[in-house]
Amino acid sequence: MIRSELLLELGKANPELRPDDIERIVDVFFDEIAQRLADGGRVELRGFGAFSTRTRDARKGRNPRTGETVEVPGKRVPFFKPGKEMRGRLNV
């Protein structure tokens, strides 16, 4: 599902809301999750799952074109762990 499909489904489920309002709600939802993760926090949605970040250590990589060894800096990456209910829905 892509963002526009999500907006359409939310519009069908909530016909009393204007499309602009639905888009604003989705924007706030995703912006808040992203900001919390950027601040080093965690977002838990009961029954769905938890978003957090994990740290990847610096490492040596290889440039695929030249074969030259390059330093890849450490970084934080987003991580999602599905909740028990989500795993149950997937494995029915």
PDB file of N, CA and C in Angstrom:
ATOM      1  N   MET A   1       0.847  -1.168   0.000  1.00  0.00           N
ATOM      2  CA  MET A   1       0.000   0.000   0.000  1.00  0.00           C
ATOM      3  C   MET A   1       0.897   1.238   0.000  1.00  0.00           C
ATOM      4  N   ILE A   2       0.548   2.186  -0.835  1.00  0.00           N
ATOM      5  CA  ILE A   2       1.271   3.441  -0.869  1.00  0.00           C
ATOM      6  C   ILE A   2       0.437   4.522  -0.182  1.00  0.00           C
ATOM      7  N   ARG A   3       1.069   5.659   0.064  1.00  0.00           N
ATOM      8  CA  ARG A   3       0.423   6.731   0.834  1.00  0.00           C
ATOM      9  C   ARG A   3      -0.930   7.139   0.247  1.00  0.00           C
ATOM     10  N   SER A   4      -1.014   7.294  -1.062  1.00  0.00           N
ATOM     11  CA  SER A   4      -2.274   7.722  -1.679  1.00  0.00           C
ATOM     12  C   SER A   4      -3.371   6.675  -1.473  1.00  0.00           C
ATOM     13  N   GLU A   5      -3.027   5.400  -1.495  1.00  0.00           N
ATOM     14  CA  GLU A   5      -4.009   4.349  -1.235  1.00  0.00           C
ATOM     15  C   GLU A   5      -4.491   4.399   0.216  1.00  0.00           C
ATOM     16  N   LEU A   6      -3.565   4.681   1.128  1.00  0.00           N
ATOM     17  CA  LEU A   6      -3.937   4.829   2.529  1.00  0.00           C
ATOM     18  C   LEU A   6      -4.914   5.982   2.704  1.00  0.00           C
ATOM     19  N   LEU A   7      -4.648   7.109   2.062  1.00  0.00           N
ATOM     20  CA  LEU A   7      -5.543   8.266   2.148  1.00  0.00           C
ATOM     21  C   LEU A   7      -6.931   7.935   1.597  1.00  0.00           C
ATOM     22  N   LEU A   8      -6.981   7.202   0.488  1.00  0.00           N
ATOM     23  CA  LEU A   8      -8.272   6.799  -0.087  1.00  0.00           C
ATOM     24  C   LEU A   8      -9.057   5.900   0.861  1.00  0.00           C
ATOM     25  N   GLU A   9      -8.380   4.929   1.464  1.00  0.00           N
ATOM     26  CA  GLU A   9      -9.056   4.007   2.387  1.00  0.00           C
ATOM     27  C   GLU A   9      -9.565   4.743   3.622  1.00  0.00           C
ATOM     28  N   LEU A  10      -8.769   5.681   4.140  1.00  0.00           N
ATOM     29  CA  LEU A  10      -9.217   6.466   5.287  1.00  0.00           C
ATOM     30  C   LEU A  10     -10.402   7.343   4.912  1.00  0.00           C
ATOM     31  N   GLY A  11     -10.404   7.868   3.687  1.00  0.00           N
ATOM     32  CA  GLY A  11     -11.527   8.670   3.209  1.00  0.00           C
ATOM     33  C   GLY A  11     -12.801   7.855   3.103  1.00  0.00           C
ATOM     34  N   LYS A  12     -12.685   6.606   2.633  1.00  0.00           N
ATOM     35  CA  LYS A  12     -13.856   5.726   2.535  1.00  0.00           C
ATOM     36  C   LYS A  12     -14.403   5.387   3.920  1.00  0.00           C
ATOM     37  N   ALA A  13     -13.505   5.154   4.865  1.00  0.00           N
ATOM     38  CA  ALA A  13     -13.922   4.779   6.214  1.00  0.00           C
ATOM     39  C   ALA A  13     -14.439   5.970   7.017  1.00  0.00           C
ATOM     40  N   ASN A  14     -14.097   7.187   6.590  1.00  0.00           N
ATOM     41  CA  ASN A  14     -14.498   8.400   7.314  1.00  0.00           C
ATOM     42  C   ASN A  14     -15.028   9.446   6.347  1.00  0.00           C
ATOM     43  N   PRO A  15     -16.195   9.211   5.752  1.00  0.00           N
ATOM     44  CA  PRO A  15     -16.713  10.139   4.746  1.00  0.00           C
ATOM     45  C   PRO A  15     -17.042  11.529   5.299  1.00  0.00           C
ATOM     46  N   GLU A  16     -17.160  11.648   6.612  1.00  0.00           N
ATOM     47  CA  GLU A  16     -17.456  12.952   7.202  1.00  0.00           C
ATOM     48  C   GLU A  16     -16.244  13.883   7.219  1.00  0.00           C
ATOM     49  N   LEU A  17     -15.052  13.330   6.993  1.00  0.00           N
ATOM     50  CA  LEU A  17     -13.832  14.145   6.971  1.00  0.00           C
ATOM     51  C   LEU A  17     -13.494  14.566   5.546  1.00  0.00           C
ATOM     52  N   ARG A  18     -13.022  15.801   5.422  1.00  0.00           N
ATOM     53  CA  ARG A  18     -12.588  16.287   4.106  1.00  0.00           C
ATOM     54  C   ARG A  18     -11.236  15.669   3.760  1.00  0.00           C
ATOM     55  N   PRO A  19     -10.941  15.504   2.480  1.00  0.00           N
ATOM     56  CA  PRO A  19      -9.640  14.935   2.078  1.00  0.00           C
ATOM     57  C   PRO A  19      -8.451  15.715   2.636  1.00  0.00           C
ATOM     58  N   ASP A  20      -8.564  17.033   2.721  1.00  0.00           N
ATOM     59  CA  ASP A  20      -7.477  17.833   3.289  1.00  0.00           C
ATOM     60  C   ASP A  20      -7.243  17.493   4.757  1.00  0.00           C
ATOM     61  N   ASP A  21      -8.324  17.259   5.491  1.00  0.00           N
ATOM     62  CA  ASP A  21      -8.199  16.911   6.903  1.00  0.00           C
ATOM     63  C   ASP A  21      -7.536  15.540   7.072  1.00  0.00           C
ATOM     64  N   ILE A  22      -7.928  14.597   6.236  1.00  0.00           N
ATOM     65  CA  ILE A  22      -7.339  13.255   6.300  1.00  0.00           C
ATOM     66  C   ILE A  22      -5.848  13.326   6.002  1.00  0.00           C
ATOM     67  N   GLU A  23      -5.473  14.092   4.993  1.00  0.00           N
ATOM     68  CA  GLU A  23      -4.063  14.215   4.640  1.00  0.00           C
ATOM     69  C   GLU A  23      -3.275  14.859   5.773  1.00  0.00           C
ATOM     70  N   ARG A  24      -3.856  15.864   6.418  1.00  0.00           N
ATOM     71  CA  ARG A  24      -3.182  16.537   7.532  1.00  0.00           C
ATOM     72  C   ARG A  24      -2.996  15.580   8.709  1.00  0.00           C
ATOM     73  N   ILE A  25      -4.003  14.756   8.985  1.00  0.00           N
ATOM     74  CA  ILE A  25      -3.912  13.776  10.070  1.00  0.00           C
ATOM     75  C   ILE A  25      -2.796  12.774   9.794  1.00  0.00           C
ATOM     76  N   VAL A  26      -2.736  12.255   8.573  1.00  0.00           N
ATOM     77  CA  VAL A  26      -1.698  11.286   8.209  1.00  0.00           C
ATOM     78  C   VAL A  26      -0.314  11.938   8.301  1.00  0.00           C
ATOM     79  N   ASP A  27      -0.199  13.179   7.849  1.00  0.00           N
ATOM     80  CA  ASP A  27       1.081  13.887   7.933  1.00  0.00           C
ATOM     81  C   ASP A  27       1.538  14.023   9.382  1.00  0.00           C
ATOM     82  N   VAL A  28       0.627  14.426  10.266  1.00  0.00           N
ATOM     83  CA  VAL A  28       0.976  14.591  11.675  1.00  0.00           C
ATOM     84  C   VAL A  28       1.373  13.247  12.277  1.00  0.00           C
ATOM     85  N   PHE A  29       0.640  12.199  11.956  1.00  0.00           N
ATOM     86  CA  PHE A  29       0.920  10.863  12.480  1.00  0.00           C
ATOM     87  C   PHE A  29       2.342  10.429  12.126  1.00  0.00           C
ATOM     88  N   PHE A  30       2.682  10.500  10.845  1.00  0.00           N
ATOM     89  CA  PHE A  30       4.011  10.055  10.420  1.00  0.00           C
ATOM     90  C   PHE A  30       5.107  11.000  10.885  1.00  0.00           C
ATOM     91  N   ASP A  31       4.833  12.297  10.913  1.00  0.00           N
ATOM     92  CA  ASP A  31       5.836  13.260  11.392  1.00  0.00           C
ATOM     93  C   ASP A  31       6.153  13.031  12.869  1.00  0.00           C
ATOM     94  N   GLU A  32       5.143  12.737  13.653  1.00  0.00           N
ATOM     95  CA  GLU A  32       5.371  12.492  15.082  1.00  0.00           C
ATOM     96  C   GLU A  32       6.191  11.222  15.304  1.00  0.00           C
ATOM     97  N   ILE A  33       5.904  10.181  14.563  1.00  0.00           N
ATOM     98  CA  ILE A  33       6.699   8.948  14.688  1.00  0.00           C
ATOM     99  C   ILE A  33       8.146   9.232  14.302  1.00  0.00           C
ATOM    100  N   ALA A  34       8.352   9.903  13.165  1.00  0.00           N
ATOM    101  CA  ALA A  34       9.703  10.198  12.697  1.00  0.00           C
ATOM    102  C   ALA A  34      10.449  11.082  13.692  1.00  0.00           C
ATOM    103  N   GLN A  35       9.778  12.080  14.255  1.00  0.00           N
ATOM    104  CA  GLN A  35      10.438  12.983  15.201  1.00  0.00           C
ATOM    105  C   GLN A  35      10.821  12.256  16.482  1.00  0.00           C
ATOM    106  N   ARG A  36       9.931  11.397  16.965  1.00  0.00           N
ATOM    107  CA  ARG A  36      10.229  10.639  18.185  1.00  0.00           C
ATOM    108  C   ARG A  36      11.440   9.737  17.968  1.00  0.00           C
ATOM    109  N   LEU A  37      11.513   9.092  16.798  1.00  0.00           N
ATOM    110  CA  LEU A  37      12.663   8.237  16.497  1.00  0.00           C
ATOM    111  C   LEU A  37      13.936   9.064  16.362  1.00  0.00           C
ATOM    112  N   ALA A  38      13.840  10.239  15.734  1.00  0.00           N
ATOM    113  CA  ALA A  38      15.001  11.115  15.567  1.00  0.00           C
ATOM    114  C   ALA A  38      15.520  11.592  16.922  1.00  0.00           C
ATOM    115  N   ASP A  39      14.607  11.749  17.884  1.00  0.00           N
ATOM    116  CA  ASP A  39      15.000  12.173  19.233  1.00  0.00           C
ATOM    117  C   ASP A  39      15.526  11.012  20.074  1.00  0.00           C
ATOM    118  N   GLY A  40      15.586   9.820  19.493  1.00  0.00           N
ATOM    119  CA  GLY A  40      16.094   8.653  20.209  1.00  0.00           C
ATOM    120  C   GLY A  40      15.033   7.896  20.973  1.00  0.00           C
ATOM    121  N   GLY A  41      13.771   8.239  20.748  1.00  0.00           N
ATOM    122  CA  GLY A  41      12.677   7.594  21.461  1.00  0.00           C
ATOM    123  C   GLY A  41      12.158   6.349  20.773  1.00  0.00           C
ATOM    124  N   ARG A  42      11.030   5.889  21.282  1.00  0.00           N
ATOM    125  CA  ARG A  42      10.399   4.669  20.790  1.00  0.00           C
ATOM    126  C   ARG A  42       8.911   4.951  20.648  1.00  0.00           C
ATOM    127  N   VAL A  43       8.273   4.348  19.660  1.00  0.00           N
ATOM    128  CA  VAL A  43       6.831   4.510  19.463  1.00  0.00           C
ATOM    129  C   VAL A  43       6.207   3.127  19.488  1.00  0.00           C
ATOM    130  N   GLU A  44       5.278   2.934  20.412  1.00  0.00           N
ATOM    131  CA  GLU A  44       4.619   1.636  20.536  1.00  0.00           C
ATOM    132  C   GLU A  44       3.138   1.804  20.253  1.00  0.00           C
ATOM    133  N   LEU A  45       2.629   1.029  19.301  1.00  0.00           N
ATOM    134  CA  LEU A  45       1.212   1.024  18.962  1.00  0.00           C
ATOM    135  C   LEU A  45       0.680  -0.358  19.333  1.00  0.00           C
ATOM    136  N   ARG A  46      -0.032  -0.418  20.436  1.00  0.00           N
ATOM    137  CA  ARG A  46      -0.514  -1.709  20.959  1.00  0.00           C
ATOM    138  C   ARG A  46      -1.290  -2.473  19.893  1.00  0.00           C
ATOM    139  N   GLY A  47      -0.968  -3.744  19.751  1.00  0.00           N
ATOM    140  CA  GLY A  47      -1.636  -4.589  18.783  1.00  0.00           C
ATOM    141  C   GLY A  47      -1.036  -4.504  17.388  1.00  0.00           C
ATOM    142  N   PHE A  48      -0.229  -3.476  17.149  1.00  0.00           N
ATOM    143  CA  PHE A  48       0.384  -3.302  15.830  1.00  0.00           C
ATOM    144  C   PHE A  48       1.873  -3.596  15.898  1.00  0.00           C
ATOM    145  N   GLY A  49       2.589  -2.846  16.736  1.00  0.00           N
ATOM    146  CA  GLY A  49       4.010  -3.075  16.871  1.00  0.00           C
ATOM    147  C   GLY A  49       4.722  -1.872  17.442  1.00  0.00           C
ATOM    148  N   ALA A  50       6.043  -1.938  17.454  1.00  0.00           N
ATOM    149  CA  ALA A  50       6.855  -0.876  18.036  1.00  0.00           C
ATOM    150  C   ALA A  50       7.928  -0.435  17.049  1.00  0.00           C
ATOM    151  N   PHE A  51       8.077   0.875  16.942  1.00  0.00           N
ATOM    152  CA  PHE A  51       9.131   1.466  16.122  1.00  0.00           C
ATOM    153  C   PHE A  51      10.239   1.928  17.064  1.00  0.00           C
ATOM    154  N   SER A  52      11.476   1.658  16.693  1.00  0.00           N
ATOM    155  CA  SER A  52      12.619   2.126  17.463  1.00  0.00           C
ATOM    156  C   SER A  52      13.786   2.295  16.492  1.00  0.00           C
ATOM    157  N   THR A  53      14.939   2.650  17.029  1.00  0.00           N
ATOM    158  CA  THR A  53      16.125   2.747  16.179  1.00  0.00           C
ATOM    159  C   THR A  53      17.180   1.785  16.704  1.00  0.00           C
ATOM    160  N   ARG A  54      18.021   1.365  15.828  1.00  0.00           N
ATOM    161  CA  ARG A  54      19.162   0.530  16.186  1.00  0.00           C
ATOM    162  C   ARG A  54      20.410   1.197  15.629  1.00  0.00           C
ATOM    163  N   THR A  55      21.514   0.965  16.287  1.00  0.00           N
ATOM    164  CA  THR A  55      22.774   1.565  15.864  1.00  0.00           C
ATOM    165  C   THR A  55      23.581   0.553  15.071  1.00  0.00           C
ATOM    166  N   ARG A  56      24.049   0.985  13.924  1.00  0.00           N
ATOM    167  CA  ARG A  56      24.961   0.154  13.128  1.00  0.00           C
ATOM    168  C   ARG A  56      26.361   0.712  13.318  1.00  0.00           C
ATOM    169  N   ASP A  57      27.291  -0.155  13.618  1.00  0.00           N
ATOM    170  CA  ASP A  57      28.675   0.268  13.822  1.00  0.00           C
ATOM    171  C   ASP A  57      29.320   0.674  12.506  1.00  0.00           C
ATOM    172  N   ALA A  58      30.368   1.480  12.630  1.00  0.00           N
ATOM    173  CA  ALA A  58      31.160   1.832  11.453  1.00  0.00           C
ATOM    174  C   ALA A  58      31.819   0.552  10.936  1.00  0.00           C
ATOM    175  N   ARG A  59      32.031   0.509   9.633  1.00  0.00           N
ATOM    176  CA  ARG A  59      32.635  -0.696   9.050  1.00  0.00           C
ATOM    177  C   ARG A  59      33.379  -0.330   7.782  1.00  0.00           C
ATOM    178  N   LYS A  60      34.081  -1.285   7.266  1.00  0.00           N
ATOM    179  CA  LYS A  60      34.748  -1.093   5.986  1.00  0.00           C
ATOM    180  C   LYS A  60      33.885  -1.706   4.901  1.00  0.00           C
ATOM    181  N   GLY A  61      33.613  -0.914   3.873  1.00  0.00           N
ATOM    182  CA  GLY A  61      32.817  -1.390   2.755  1.00  0.00           C
ATOM    183  C   GLY A  61      33.669  -1.403   1.497  1.00  0.00           C
ATOM    184  N   ARG A  62      33.035  -1.711   0.389  1.00  0.00           N
ATOM    185  CA  ARG A  62      33.767  -1.768  -0.862  1.00  0.00           C
ATOM    186  C   ARG A  62      32.969  -1.044  -1.931  1.00  0.00           C
ATOM    187  N   ASN A  63      33.639  -0.166  -2.665  1.00  0.00           N
ATOM    188  CA  ASN A  63      33.016   0.519  -3.786  1.00  0.00           C
ATOM    189  C   ASN A  63      32.807  -0.513  -4.891  1.00  0.00           C
ATOM    190  N   PRO A  64      31.554  -0.761  -5.310  1.00  0.00           N
ATOM    191  CA  PRO A  64      31.309  -1.813  -6.298  1.00  0.00           C
ATOM    192  C   PRO A  64      31.903  -1.504  -7.673  1.00  0.00           C
ATOM    193  N   ARG A  65      32.076  -0.249  -8.007  1.00  0.00           N
ATOM    194  CA  ARG A  65      32.655   0.091  -9.315  1.00  0.00           C
ATOM    195  C   ARG A  65      34.149  -0.128  -9.371  1.00  0.00           C
ATOM    196  N   THR A  66      34.834   0.370  -8.324  1.00  0.00           N
ATOM    197  CA  THR A  66      36.295   0.336  -8.365  1.00  0.00           C
ATOM    198  C   THR A  66      36.895  -0.786  -7.540  1.00  0.00           C
ATOM    199  N   GLY A  67      36.116  -1.338  -6.615  1.00  0.00           N
ATOM    200  CA  GLY A  67      36.646  -2.368  -5.738  1.00  0.00           C
ATOM    201  C   GLY A  67      37.440  -1.782  -4.581  1.00  0.00           C
ATOM    202  N   GLU A  68      37.542  -0.465  -4.533  1.00  0.00           N
ATOM    203  CA  GLU A  68      38.308   0.220  -3.491  1.00  0.00           C
ATOM    204  C   GLU A  68      37.604   0.088  -2.137  1.00  0.00           C
ATOM    205  N   THR A  69      38.375  -0.089  -1.075  1.00  0.00           N
ATOM    206  CA  THR A  69      37.834  -0.167   0.273  1.00  0.00           C
ATOM    207  C   THR A  69      37.519   1.247   0.754  1.00  0.00           C
ATOM    208  N   VAL A  70      36.332   1.415   1.319  1.00  0.00           N
ATOM    209  CA  VAL A  70      35.911   2.713   1.839  1.00  0.00           C
ATOM    210  C   VAL A  70      35.391   2.545   3.262  1.00  0.00           C
ATOM    211  N   GLU A  71      35.516   3.603   4.041  1.00  0.00           N
ATOM    212  CA  GLU A  71      34.990   3.603   5.402  1.00  0.00           C
ATOM    213  C   GLU A  71      33.511   3.974   5.359  1.00  0.00           C
ATOM    214  N   VAL A  72      32.683   3.155   5.963  1.00  0.00           N
ATOM    215  CA  VAL A  72      31.258   3.441   6.065  1.00  0.00           C
ATOM    216  C   VAL A  72      31.013   3.850   7.521  1.00  0.00           C
ATOM    217  N   PRO A  73      30.563   5.099   7.743  1.00  0.00           N
ATOM    218  CA  PRO A  73      30.392   5.552   9.130  1.00  0.00           C
ATOM    219  C   PRO A  73      29.244   4.828   9.831  1.00  0.00           C
ATOM    220  N   GLY A  74      29.302   4.811  11.150  1.00  0.00           N
ATOM    221  CA  GLY A  74      28.210   4.251  11.936  1.00  0.00           C
ATOM    222  C   GLY A  74      26.969   5.121  11.777  1.00  0.00           C
ATOM    223  N   LYS A  75      25.814   4.526  11.980  1.00  0.00           N
ATOM    224  CA  LYS A  75      24.574   5.288  11.831  1.00  0.00           C
ATOM    225  C   LYS A  75      23.448   4.615  12.599  1.00  0.00           C
ATOM    226  N   ARG A  76      22.381   5.383  12.805  1.00  0.00           N
ATOM    227  CA  ARG A  76      21.169   4.834  13.397  1.00  0.00           C
ATOM    228  C   ARG A  76      20.197   4.524  12.276  1.00  0.00           C
ATOM    229  N   VAL A  77      19.521   3.392  12.381  1.00  0.00           N
ATOM    230  CA  VAL A  77      18.549   2.982  11.368  1.00  0.00           C
ATOM    231  C   VAL A  77      17.227   2.648  12.056  1.00  0.00           C
ATOM    232  N   PRO A  78      16.093   2.896  11.376  1.00  0.00           N
ATOM    233  CA  PRO A  78      14.797   2.559  11.974  1.00  0.00           C
ATOM    234  C   PRO A  78      14.596   1.049  12.030  1.00  0.00           C
ATOM    235  N   PHE A  79      13.858   0.624  13.037  1.00  0.00           N
ATOM    236  CA  PHE A  79      13.583  -0.795  13.237  1.00  0.00           C
ATOM    237  C   PHE A  79      12.128  -0.936  13.659  1.00  0.00           C
ATOM    238  N   PHE A  80      11.431  -1.928  13.121  1.00  0.00           N
ATOM    239  CA  PHE A  80      10.039  -2.192  13.483  1.00  0.00           C
ATOM    240  C   PHE A  80       9.913  -3.618  13.990  1.00  0.00           C
ATOM    241  N   LYS A  81       9.291  -3.762  15.145  1.00  0.00           N
ATOM    242  CA  LYS A  81       9.020  -5.087  15.691  1.00  0.00           C
ATOM    243  C   LYS A  81       7.509  -5.244  15.765  1.00  0.00           C
ATOM    244  N   PRO A  82       6.941  -6.174  14.988  1.00  0.00           N
ATOM    245  CA  PRO A  82       5.487  -6.356  15.013  1.00  0.00           C
ATOM    246  C   PRO A  82       5.015  -6.870  16.370  1.00  0.00           C
ATOM    247  N   GLY A  83       3.813  -6.440  16.750  1.00  0.00           N
ATOM    248  CA  GLY A  83       3.208  -6.884  18.003  1.00  0.00           C
ATOM    249  C   GLY A  83       2.626  -8.282  17.879  1.00  0.00           C
ATOM    250  N   LYS A  84       2.230  -8.839  19.004  1.00  0.00           N
ATOM    251  CA  LYS A  84       1.695 -10.193  19.038  1.00  0.00           C
ATOM    252  C   LYS A  84       0.456 -10.340  18.163  1.00  0.00           C
ATOM    253  N   GLU A  85      -0.460  -9.355  18.218  1.00  0.00           N
ATOM    254  CA  GLU A  85      -1.667  -9.432  17.398  1.00  0.00           C
ATOM    255  C   GLU A  85      -1.338  -9.382  15.908  1.00  0.00           C
ATOM    256  N   MET A  86      -0.383  -8.561  15.539  1.00  0.00           N
ATOM    257  CA  MET A  86       0.027  -8.457  14.128  1.00  0.00           C
ATOM    258  C   MET A  86       0.605  -9.789  13.653  1.00  0.00           C
ATOM    259  N   ARG A  87       1.487 -10.353  14.463  1.00  0.00           N
ATOM    260  CA  ARG A  87       2.063 -11.650  14.072  1.00  0.00           C
ATOM    261  C   ARG A  87       0.983 -12.710  13.949  1.00  0.00           C
ATOM    262  N   GLY A  88      -0.006 -12.660  14.829  1.00  0.00           N
ATOM    263  CA  GLY A  88      -1.119 -13.609  14.759  1.00  0.00           C
ATOM    264  C   GLY A  88      -1.933 -13.459  13.481  1.00  0.00           C
ATOM    265  N   ARG A  89      -2.164 -12.221  13.070  1.00  0.00           N
ATOM    266  CA  ARG A  89      -2.938 -11.987  11.826  1.00  0.00           C
ATOM    267  C   ARG A  89      -2.171 -12.478  10.594  1.00  0.00           C
ATOM    268  N   LEU A  90      -0.858 -12.388  10.644  1.00  0.00           N
ATOM    269  CA  LEU A  90      -0.056 -12.801   9.507  1.00  0.00           C
ATOM    270  C   LEU A  90       0.065 -14.317   9.392  1.00  0.00           C
ATOM    271  N   ASN A  91      -0.052 -14.997  10.504  1.00  0.00           N
ATOM    272  CA  ASN A  91       0.187 -16.435  10.533  1.00  0.00           C
ATOM    273  C   ASN A  91      -1.081 -17.229  10.836  1.00  0.00           C
ATOM    274  N   VAL A  92      -2.200 -16.805  10.282  1.00  0.00           N
ATOM    275  CA  VAL A  92      -3.476 -17.526  10.498  1.00  0.00           C
ATOM    276  C   VAL A  92      -3.609 -18.629   9.472  1.00  0.00           C
TER     277      VAL A  92
END
